C-alpha atoms as a PDB file:
ATOM      1  CA  UNK A   1      27.696  19.234 -12.676  1.00  0.00           C
ATOM      2  CA  UNK A   2      25.824  21.185  -9.994  1.00  0.00           C
ATOM      3  CA  UNK A   3      24.861  23.677 -12.698  1.00  0.00           C
ATOM      4  CA  UNK A   4      22.550  21.160 -14.365  1.00  0.00           C
ATOM      5  CA  UNK A   5      21.646  18.973 -11.389  1.00  0.00           C
ATOM      6  CA  UNK A   6      18.991  19.299  -8.717  1.00  0.00           C
ATOM      7  CA  UNK A   7      20.561  18.558  -5.343  1.00  0.00           C
ATOM      8  CA  UNK A   8      20.909  20.082  -1.892  1.00  0.00           C
ATOM      9  CA  UNK A   9      23.533  22.545  -3.129  1.00  0.00           C
ATOM     10  CA  UNK A  10      21.487  23.841  -6.044  1.00  0.00           C
ATOM     11  CA  UNK A  11      18.481  24.054  -3.696  1.00  0.00           C
ATOM     12  CA  UNK A  12      20.518  26.184  -1.283  1.00  0.00           C
ATOM     13  CA  UNK A  13      21.658  28.526  -4.046  1.00  0.00           C
ATOM     14  CA  UNK A  14      18.069  28.841  -5.258  1.00  0.00           C
ATOM     15  CA  UNK A  15      16.929  29.684  -1.747  1.00  0.00           C
ATOM     16  CA  UNK A  16      19.705  32.263  -1.503  1.00  0.00           C
ATOM     17  CA  UNK A  17      18.490  33.942  -4.687  1.00  0.00           C
ATOM     18  CA  UNK A  18      14.909  33.973  -3.457  1.00  0.00           C
ATOM     19  CA  UNK A  19      16.062  35.776  -0.311  1.00  0.00           C
ATOM     20  CA  UNK A  20      17.543  38.645  -2.353  1.00  0.00           C
ATOM     21  CA  UNK A  21      14.894  41.310  -2.798  1.00  0.00           C
ATOM     22  CA  UNK A  22      15.119  42.902  -6.272  1.00  0.00           C
ATOM     23  CA  UNK A  23      18.918  43.099  -6.502  1.00  0.00           C
ATOM     24  CA  UNK A  24      20.365  45.862  -8.661  1.00  0.00           C
ATOM     25  CA  UNK A  25      23.214  43.633  -9.822  1.00  0.00           C
ATOM     26  CA  UNK A  26      25.537  40.813  -8.806  1.00  0.00           C
ATOM     27  CA  UNK A  27      29.276  41.243  -8.325  1.00  0.00           C
ATOM     28  CA  UNK A  28      30.992  37.854  -8.367  1.00  0.00           C
ATOM     29  CA  UNK A  29      34.531  36.957  -7.351  1.00  0.00           C
ATOM     30  CA  UNK A  30      35.160  33.601  -9.015  1.00  0.00           C
ATOM     31  CA  UNK A  31      38.066  31.227  -8.483  1.00  0.00           C
ATOM     32  CA  UNK A  32      38.242  30.804 -12.244  1.00  0.00           C
ATOM     33  CA  UNK A  33      39.343  34.339 -13.065  1.00  0.00           C
ATOM     34  CA  UNK A  34      42.740  34.160 -11.381  1.00  0.00           C
ATOM     35  CA  UNK A  35      45.089  36.447 -13.242  1.00  0.00           C
ATOM     36  CA  UNK A  36      48.116  38.699 -12.831  1.00  0.00           C
ATOM     37  CA  UNK A  37      46.098  41.917 -12.716  1.00  0.00           C
ATOM     38  CA  UNK A  38      43.125  43.526 -11.012  1.00  0.00           C
ATOM     39  CA  UNK A  39      40.218  43.839 -13.423  1.00  0.00           C
ATOM     40  CA  UNK A  40      36.450  43.987 -13.611  1.00  0.00           C
ATOM     41  CA  UNK A  41      34.223  42.976 -16.520  1.00  0.00           C
ATOM     42  CA  UNK A  42      32.776  46.077 -18.156  1.00  0.00           C
ATOM     43  CA  UNK A  43      30.842  44.800 -21.163  1.00  0.00           C
ATOM     44  CA  UNK A  44      27.078  45.114 -21.604  1.00  0.00           C
ATOM     45  CA  UNK A  45      26.665  41.507 -22.766  1.00  0.00           C
ATOM     46  CA  UNK A  46      29.204  39.128 -21.187  1.00  0.00           C
ATOM     47  CA  UNK A  47      29.758  35.807 -22.902  1.00  0.00           C
ATOM     48  CA  UNK A  48      29.287  32.462 -21.155  1.00  0.00           C
ATOM     49  CA  UNK A  49      32.723  30.889 -20.681  1.00  0.00           C
ATOM     50  CA  UNK A  50      33.102  27.100 -20.662  1.00  0.00           C
ATOM     51  CA  UNK A  51      36.456  26.821 -18.903  1.00  0.00           C
ATOM     52  CA  UNK A  52      36.479  23.052 -18.351  1.00  0.00           C
ATOM     53  CA  UNK A  53      36.679  19.769 -20.218  1.00  0.00           C
ATOM     54  CA  UNK A  54      35.572  16.165 -19.818  1.00  0.00           C
ATOM     55  CA  UNK A  55      31.983  16.958 -18.846  1.00  0.00           C
ATOM     56  CA  UNK A  56      28.684  16.176 -20.618  1.00  0.00           C
ATOM     57  CA  UNK A  57      27.898  18.145 -23.767  1.00  0.00           C
ATOM     58  CA  UNK A  58      24.899  19.647 -21.979  1.00  0.00           C
ATOM     59  CA  UNK A  59      27.290  21.727 -19.877  1.00  0.00           C
ATOM     60  CA  UNK A  60      29.238  22.893 -22.918  1.00  0.00           C
ATOM     61  CA  UNK A  61      26.009  23.916 -24.618  1.00  0.00           C
ATOM     62  CA  UNK A  62      24.713  25.841 -21.615  1.00  0.00           C
ATOM     63  CA  UNK A  63      24.374  29.623 -21.870  1.00  0.00           C
ATOM     64  CA  UNK A  64      23.666  32.102 -19.074  1.00  0.00           C
ATOM     65  CA  UNK A  65      22.641  35.272 -20.944  1.00  0.00           C
ATOM     66  CA  UNK A  66      22.616  37.728 -18.037  1.00  0.00           C
ATOM     67  CA  UNK A  67      23.443  41.307 -19.002  1.00  0.00           C
ATOM     68  CA  UNK A  68      26.548  43.009 -17.726  1.00  0.00           C
ATOM     69  CA  UNK A  69      26.695  46.394 -16.045  1.00  0.00           C
ATOM     70  CA  UNK A  70      29.317  48.851 -17.298  1.00  0.00           C
ATOM     71  CA  UNK A  71      27.941  51.282 -14.718  1.00  0.00           C
ATOM     72  CA  UNK A  72      28.689  48.939 -11.816  1.00  0.00           C
ATOM     73  CA  UNK A  73      32.130  48.235 -13.258  1.00  0.00           C
ATOM     74  CA  UNK A  74      32.878  51.967 -13.158  1.00  0.00           C
ATOM     75  CA  UNK A  75      31.622  52.130  -9.566  1.00  0.00           C
ATOM     76  CA  UNK A  76      33.990  49.330  -8.584  1.00  0.00           C
ATOM     77  CA  UNK A  77      36.922  51.129 -10.210  1.00  0.00           C
ATOM     78  CA  UNK A  78      36.139  54.334  -8.305  1.00  0.00           C
ATOM     79  CA  UNK A  79      35.433  52.569  -5.026  1.00  0.00           C
ATOM     80  CA  UNK A  80      38.763  50.747  -5.032  1.00  0.00           C
ATOM     81  CA  UNK A  81      40.995  53.720  -5.809  1.00  0.00           C
ATOM     82  CA  UNK A  82      43.924  54.282  -5.386  1.00  0.00           C
ATOM     83  CA  UNK A  83      44.298  50.632  -6.435  1.00  0.00           C
ATOM     84  CA  UNK A  84      44.198  50.355 -10.211  1.00  0.00           C
ATOM     85  CA  UNK A  85      41.363  48.177 -11.518  1.00  0.00           C
ATOM     86  CA  UNK A  86      41.270  47.620 -15.271  1.00  0.00           C
ATOM     87  CA  UNK A  87      37.999  47.703 -17.205  1.00  0.00           C
ATOM     88  CA  UNK A  88      37.920  44.390 -19.074  1.00  0.00           C
ATOM     89  CA  UNK A  89      35.952  43.733 -22.259  1.00  0.00           C
ATOM     90  CA  UNK A  90      37.204  40.228 -23.070  1.00  0.00           C
ATOM     91  CA  UNK A  91      36.432  37.864 -20.177  1.00  0.00           C
ATOM     92  CA  UNK A  92      32.763  37.195 -19.440  1.00  0.00           C
ATOM     93  CA  UNK A  93      31.031  34.852 -16.984  1.00  0.00           C
ATOM     94  CA  UNK A  94      33.016  31.714 -16.168  1.00  0.00           C
ATOM     95  CA  UNK A  95      31.510  28.579 -14.686  1.00  0.00           C
ATOM     96  CA  UNK A  96      32.400  29.638 -11.156  1.00  0.00           C
ATOM     97  CA  UNK A  97      29.818  32.373 -11.654  1.00  0.00           C
ATOM     98  CA  UNK A  98      27.118  30.926 -13.864  1.00  0.00           C
ATOM     99  CA  UNK A  99      26.980  27.486 -12.225  1.00  0.00           C
ATOM    100  CA  UNK A 100      25.760  29.212  -9.045  1.00  0.00           C
ATOM    101  CA  UNK A 101      23.717  32.039 -10.554  1.00  0.00           C
ATOM    102  CA  UNK A 102      21.751  29.733 -12.846  1.00  0.00           C
ATOM    103  CA  UNK A 103      20.065  28.490  -9.668  1.00  0.00           C
ATOM    104  CA  UNK A 104      20.078  31.739  -7.680  1.00  0.00           C
ATOM    105  CA  UNK A 105      18.731  33.867 -10.546  1.00  0.00           C
ATOM    106  CA  UNK A 106      17.451  31.366 -13.125  1.00  0.00           C
ATOM    107  CA  UNK A 107      15.882  33.971 -15.404  1.00  0.00           C
ATOM    108  CA  UNK A 108      19.294  35.589 -16.000  1.00  0.00           C
ATOM    109  CA  UNK A 109      17.645  38.991 -15.627  1.00  0.00           C
ATOM    110  CA  UNK A 110      19.984  40.437 -12.981  1.00  0.00           C
ATOM    111  CA  UNK A 111      23.090  42.201 -14.367  1.00  0.00           C
ATOM    112  CA  UNK A 112      26.333  40.405 -13.488  1.00  0.00           C
ATOM    113  CA  UNK A 113      29.871  41.755 -13.189  1.00  0.00           C
ATOM    114  CA  UNK A 114      32.966  39.700 -12.337  1.00  0.00           C
ATOM    115  CA  UNK A 115      35.959  40.940 -10.368  1.00  0.00           C
ATOM    116  CA  UNK A 116      39.247  39.202 -11.122  1.00  0.00           C
ATOM    117  CA  UNK A 117      41.398  37.690  -8.387  1.00  0.00           C
ATOM    118  CA  UNK A 118      44.839  39.265  -8.662  1.00  0.00           C
ATOM    119  CA  UNK A 119      47.269  36.365  -8.261  1.00  0.00           C
ATOM    120  CA  UNK A 120      50.150  38.717  -7.443  1.00  0.00           C
ATOM    121  CA  UNK A 121      48.528  40.087  -4.295  1.00  0.00           C
ATOM    122  CA  UNK A 122      48.654  38.692  -0.731  1.00  0.00           C
ATOM    123  CA  UNK A 123      45.663  37.670   1.335  1.00  0.00           C
ATOM    124  CA  UNK A 124      45.643  41.053   3.085  1.00  0.00           C
ATOM    125  CA  UNK A 125      45.034  42.820  -0.234  1.00  0.00           C
ATOM    126  CA  UNK A 126      41.984  40.677  -0.954  1.00  0.00           C
ATOM    127  CA  UNK A 127      40.612  41.316   2.530  1.00  0.00           C
ATOM    128  CA  UNK A 128      41.116  45.054   2.000  1.00  0.00           C
ATOM    129  CA  UNK A 129      39.273  44.975  -1.320  1.00  0.00           C
ATOM    130  CA  UNK A 130      36.441  43.005   0.254  1.00  0.00           C
ATOM    131  CA  UNK A 131      36.021  45.579   3.007  1.00  0.00           C
ATOM    132  CA  UNK A 132      35.829  48.420   0.503  1.00  0.00           C
ATOM    133  CA  UNK A 133      33.299  46.553  -1.621  1.00  0.00           C
ATOM    134  CA  UNK A 134      30.956  46.305   1.369  1.00  0.00           C
ATOM    135  CA  UNK A 135      29.458  49.706   0.521  1.00  0.00           C
ATOM    136  CA  UNK A 136      27.919  48.223  -2.628  1.00  0.00           C
ATOM    137  CA  UNK A 137      25.589  46.061  -0.553  1.00  0.00           C
ATOM    138  CA  UNK A 138      23.828  49.223   0.618  1.00  0.00           C
ATOM    139  CA  UNK A 139      22.903  50.055  -2.973  1.00  0.00           C
ATOM    140  CA  UNK A 140      21.362  46.691  -3.819  1.00  0.00           C
ATOM    141  CA  UNK A 141      24.398  44.844  -5.162  1.00  0.00           C
ATOM    142  CA  UNK A 142      24.656  41.170  -4.207  1.00  0.00           C
ATOM    143  CA  UNK A 143      28.287  40.118  -3.732  1.00  0.00           C
ATOM    144  CA  UNK A 144      29.122  36.456  -4.327  1.00  0.00           C
ATOM    145  CA  UNK A 145      32.414  34.663  -3.726  1.00  0.00           C
ATOM    146  CA  UNK A 146      32.569  31.400  -5.666  1.00  0.00           C
ATOM    147  CA  UNK A 147      35.221  28.814  -4.841  1.00  0.00           C
ATOM    148  CA  UNK A 148      35.803  25.977  -2.352  1.00  0.00           C
ATOM    149  CA  UNK A 149      37.404  26.248   1.058  1.00  0.00           C
ATOM    150  CA  UNK A 150      38.841  22.766   0.428  1.00  0.00           C
ATOM    151  CA  UNK A 151      39.805  22.073  -3.186  1.00  0.00           C
ATOM    152  CA  UNK A 152      42.480  19.477  -3.924  1.00  0.00           C
ATOM    153  CA  UNK A 153      41.830  17.778  -7.253  1.00  0.00           C
ATOM    154  CA  UNK A 154      44.986  15.720  -6.926  1.00  0.00           C
ATOM    155  CA  UNK A 155      43.528  13.844  -3.963  1.00  0.00           C
ATOM    156  CA  UNK A 156      40.034  13.085  -5.282  1.00  0.00           C
ATOM    157  CA  UNK A 157      38.601   9.756  -4.154  1.00  0.00           C
ATOM    158  CA  UNK A 158      35.979   8.775  -6.720  1.00  0.00           C
ATOM    159  CA  UNK A 159      34.740   5.995  -4.435  1.00  0.00           C
ATOM    160  CA  UNK A 160      33.645   8.508  -1.771  1.00  0.00           C
ATOM    161  CA  UNK A 161      31.206  10.971  -3.396  1.00  0.00           C
ATOM    162  CA  UNK A 162      29.942  12.370  -0.073  1.00  0.00           C
ATOM    163  CA  UNK A 163      32.904  11.804   2.237  1.00  0.00           C
ATOM    164  CA  UNK A 164      36.010  13.712   3.298  1.00  0.00           C
ATOM    165  CA  UNK A 165      39.578  12.963   4.311  1.00  0.00           C
ATOM    166  CA  UNK A 166      40.416  13.732   7.931  1.00  0.00           C
ATOM    167  CA  UNK A 167      42.612  16.715   6.976  1.00  0.00           C
ATOM    168  CA  UNK A 168      39.754  18.146   4.887  1.00  0.00           C
ATOM    169  CA  UNK A 169      37.329  17.817   7.786  1.00  0.00           C
ATOM    170  CA  UNK A 170      39.798  19.461  10.166  1.00  0.00           C
ATOM    171  CA  UNK A 171      40.444  22.419   7.884  1.00  0.00           C
ATOM    172  CA  UNK A 172      36.754  22.859   7.133  1.00  0.00           C
ATOM    173  CA  UNK A 173      35.981  22.902  10.862  1.00  0.00           C
ATOM    174  CA  UNK A 174      38.754  25.397  11.595  1.00  0.00           C
ATOM    175  CA  UNK A 175      37.676  27.646   8.742  1.00  0.00           C
ATOM    176  CA  UNK A 176      34.038  27.475   9.758  1.00  0.00           C
ATOM    177  CA  UNK A 177      34.930  28.566  13.293  1.00  0.00           C
ATOM    178  CA  UNK A 178      36.878  31.561  11.986  1.00  0.00           C
ATOM    179  CA  UNK A 179      34.217  32.669   9.501  1.00  0.00           C
ATOM    180  CA  UNK A 180      31.405  32.355  12.035  1.00  0.00           C
ATOM    181  CA  UNK A 181      33.314  33.781  14.987  1.00  0.00           C
ATOM    182  CA  UNK A 182      36.140  36.076  13.887  1.00  0.00           C
ATOM    183  CA  UNK A 183      35.980  36.654  10.106  1.00  0.00           C
ATOM    184  CA  UNK A 184      38.478  39.500  10.262  1.00  0.00           C
ATOM    185  CA  UNK A 185      41.149  36.884  10.997  1.00  0.00           C
ATOM    186  CA  UNK A 186      40.467  34.800   7.880  1.00  0.00           C
ATOM    187  CA  UNK A 187      43.849  35.603   6.326  1.00  0.00           C
ATOM    188  CA  UNK A 188      45.566  33.728   9.164  1.00  0.00           C
ATOM    189  CA  UNK A 189      44.069  30.460   7.916  1.00  0.00           C
ATOM    190  CA  UNK A 190      47.023  30.199   5.508  1.00  0.00           C
ATOM    191  CA  UNK A 191      49.109  29.317   8.590  1.00  0.00           C
ATOM    192  CA  UNK A 192      46.929  26.360   9.536  1.00  0.00           C
ATOM    193  CA  UNK A 193      48.841  23.055   9.243  1.00  0.00           C
ATOM    194  CA  UNK A 194      46.152  21.632   6.940  1.00  0.00           C
ATOM    195  CA  UNK A 195      45.977  24.648   4.607  1.00  0.00           C
ATOM    196  CA  UNK A 196      48.518  23.404   2.051  1.00  0.00           C
ATOM    197  CA  UNK A 197      46.660  20.143   1.620  1.00  0.00           C
ATOM    198  CA  UNK A 198      43.258  21.831   1.541  1.00  0.00           C
ATOM    199  CA  UNK A 199      44.351  24.548  -0.895  1.00  0.00           C
ATOM    200  CA  UNK A 200      47.461  23.455  -2.827  1.00  0.00           C
ATOM    201  CA  UNK A 201      46.773  26.455  -5.066  1.00  0.00           C
ATOM    202  CA  UNK A 202      45.011  29.487  -3.566  1.00  0.00           C
ATOM    203  CA  UNK A 203      42.480  30.535  -6.203  1.00  0.00           C
ATOM    204  CA  UNK A 204      39.560  28.495  -4.838  1.00  0.00           C
ATOM    205  CA  UNK A 205      40.180  29.664  -1.275  1.00  0.00           C
ATOM    206  CA  UNK A 206      40.601  33.398  -1.925  1.00  0.00           C
ATOM    207  CA  UNK A 207      36.908  34.146  -2.694  1.00  0.00           C
ATOM    208  CA  UNK A 208      36.190  33.234   0.926  1.00  0.00           C
ATOM    209  CA  UNK A 209      38.449  36.108   2.022  1.00  0.00           C
ATOM    210  CA  UNK A 210      36.148  38.565   0.265  1.00  0.00           C
ATOM    211  CA  UNK A 211      33.158  37.113   2.079  1.00  0.00           C
ATOM    212  CA  UNK A 212      34.994  37.208   5.411  1.00  0.00           C
ATOM    213  CA  UNK A 213      35.918  40.850   4.851  1.00  0.00           C
ATOM    214  CA  UNK A 214      32.307  41.739   4.041  1.00  0.00           C
ATOM    215  CA  UNK A 215      31.118  40.049   7.224  1.00  0.00           C
ATOM    216  CA  UNK A 216      33.780  41.754   9.312  1.00  0.00           C
ATOM    217  CA  UNK A 217      33.142  45.191   7.812  1.00  0.00           C
ATOM    218  CA  UNK A 218      29.385  44.932   8.294  1.00  0.00           C
ATOM    219  CA  UNK A 219      29.718  43.456  11.795  1.00  0.00           C
ATOM    220  CA  UNK A 220      27.151  40.850  10.741  1.00  0.00           C
ATOM    221  CA  UNK A 221      27.193  37.234  11.817  1.00  0.00           C
ATOM    222  CA  UNK A 222      27.811  34.845   8.953  1.00  0.00           C
ATOM    223  CA  UNK A 223      25.704  31.712   8.700  1.00  0.00           C
ATOM    224  CA  UNK A 224      26.181  28.353   7.015  1.00  0.00           C
ATOM    225  CA  UNK A 225      23.946  28.223   3.951  1.00  0.00           C
ATOM    226  CA  UNK A 226      24.746  24.601   3.139  1.00  0.00           C
ATOM    227  CA  UNK A 227      27.600  22.220   3.870  1.00  0.00           C
ATOM    228  CA  UNK A 228      29.008  18.947   2.643  1.00  0.00           C
ATOM    229  CA  UNK A 229      31.964  17.252   0.972  1.00  0.00           C
ATOM    230  CA  UNK A 230      32.565  15.650  -2.396  1.00  0.00           C
ATOM    231  CA  UNK A 231      35.069  12.925  -3.269  1.00  0.00           C
ATOM    232  CA  UNK A 232      37.180  13.327  -0.167  1.00  0.00           C
ATOM    233  CA  UNK A 233      38.958  16.552  -1.041  1.00  0.00           C
ATOM    234  CA  UNK A 234      36.336  19.132  -2.033  1.00  0.00           C
ATOM    235  CA  UNK A 235      34.265  21.092   0.463  1.00  0.00           C
ATOM    236  CA  UNK A 236      30.916  22.378  -0.756  1.00  0.00           C
ATOM    237  CA  UNK A 237      30.284  24.489   2.344  1.00  0.00           C
ATOM    238  CA  UNK A 238      28.786  27.900   1.579  1.00  0.00           C
ATOM    239  CA  UNK A 239      28.199  30.845   3.896  1.00  0.00           C
ATOM    240  CA  UNK A 240      25.703  33.683   3.768  1.00  0.00           C
ATOM    241  CA  UNK A 241      24.986  37.004   5.420  1.00  0.00           C
ATOM    242  CA  UNK A 242      21.482  37.898   6.511  1.00  0.00           C
ATOM    243  CA  UNK A 243      19.625  34.635   5.956  1.00  0.00           C
ATOM    244  CA  UNK A 244      19.133  31.431   7.986  1.00  0.00           C
ATOM    245  CA  UNK A 245      20.943  28.171   7.331  1.00  0.00           C
ATOM    246  CA  UNK A 246      19.312  25.589   5.093  1.00  0.00           C
ATOM    247  CA  UNK A 247      17.923  22.640   7.016  1.00  0.00           C
END
């Protein structure tokens, strides 16, 4: 719903986009392209994917017509060798990508490429990929990881739209400390006693590993862009590099 709502999260994403000076392209790692291979979208005109159900028709009708960038896709393939990254012409932009970018880049005029999360690979692989992707930032590519550091749909409490369970608050606090203080150690968060409750499946947590690797590789201090909880078991906390926190 954040894609079509005006709230503190959409305001933060809009502010993030405004802080990006003439980006060449966006490379997004979304929780919703979690597959058994490493791939990158390589089409010139990616489709808008509506990978959800039970939401208002307005969301199903929404289109984010940003162009793709076959050139950036090729760069990613070369940058990540010797790992094999497939050039994909069938996926597109899922809601993990467009629900954020519709606020960050509302004119849909910045080319967007998605990188799949390889479900077969361990956390260390994703950290390694993130470190190697850091070079793209020097050429004007904005790298976005879209997920939730706490995401447990089985424990949603619909009576608490802005609250969190104690285990969610603990894991969020632990994760925040790691990302802000020692991002190179982010993979060790899987050993935290609250991790299994916070991330019963890993796809929403893994995008954070890419961000942590970028921060560690660049030796930049991460900052909290916006924070908050939804329905007890979802964290909306987002981090950024190179811009102040939203008040």
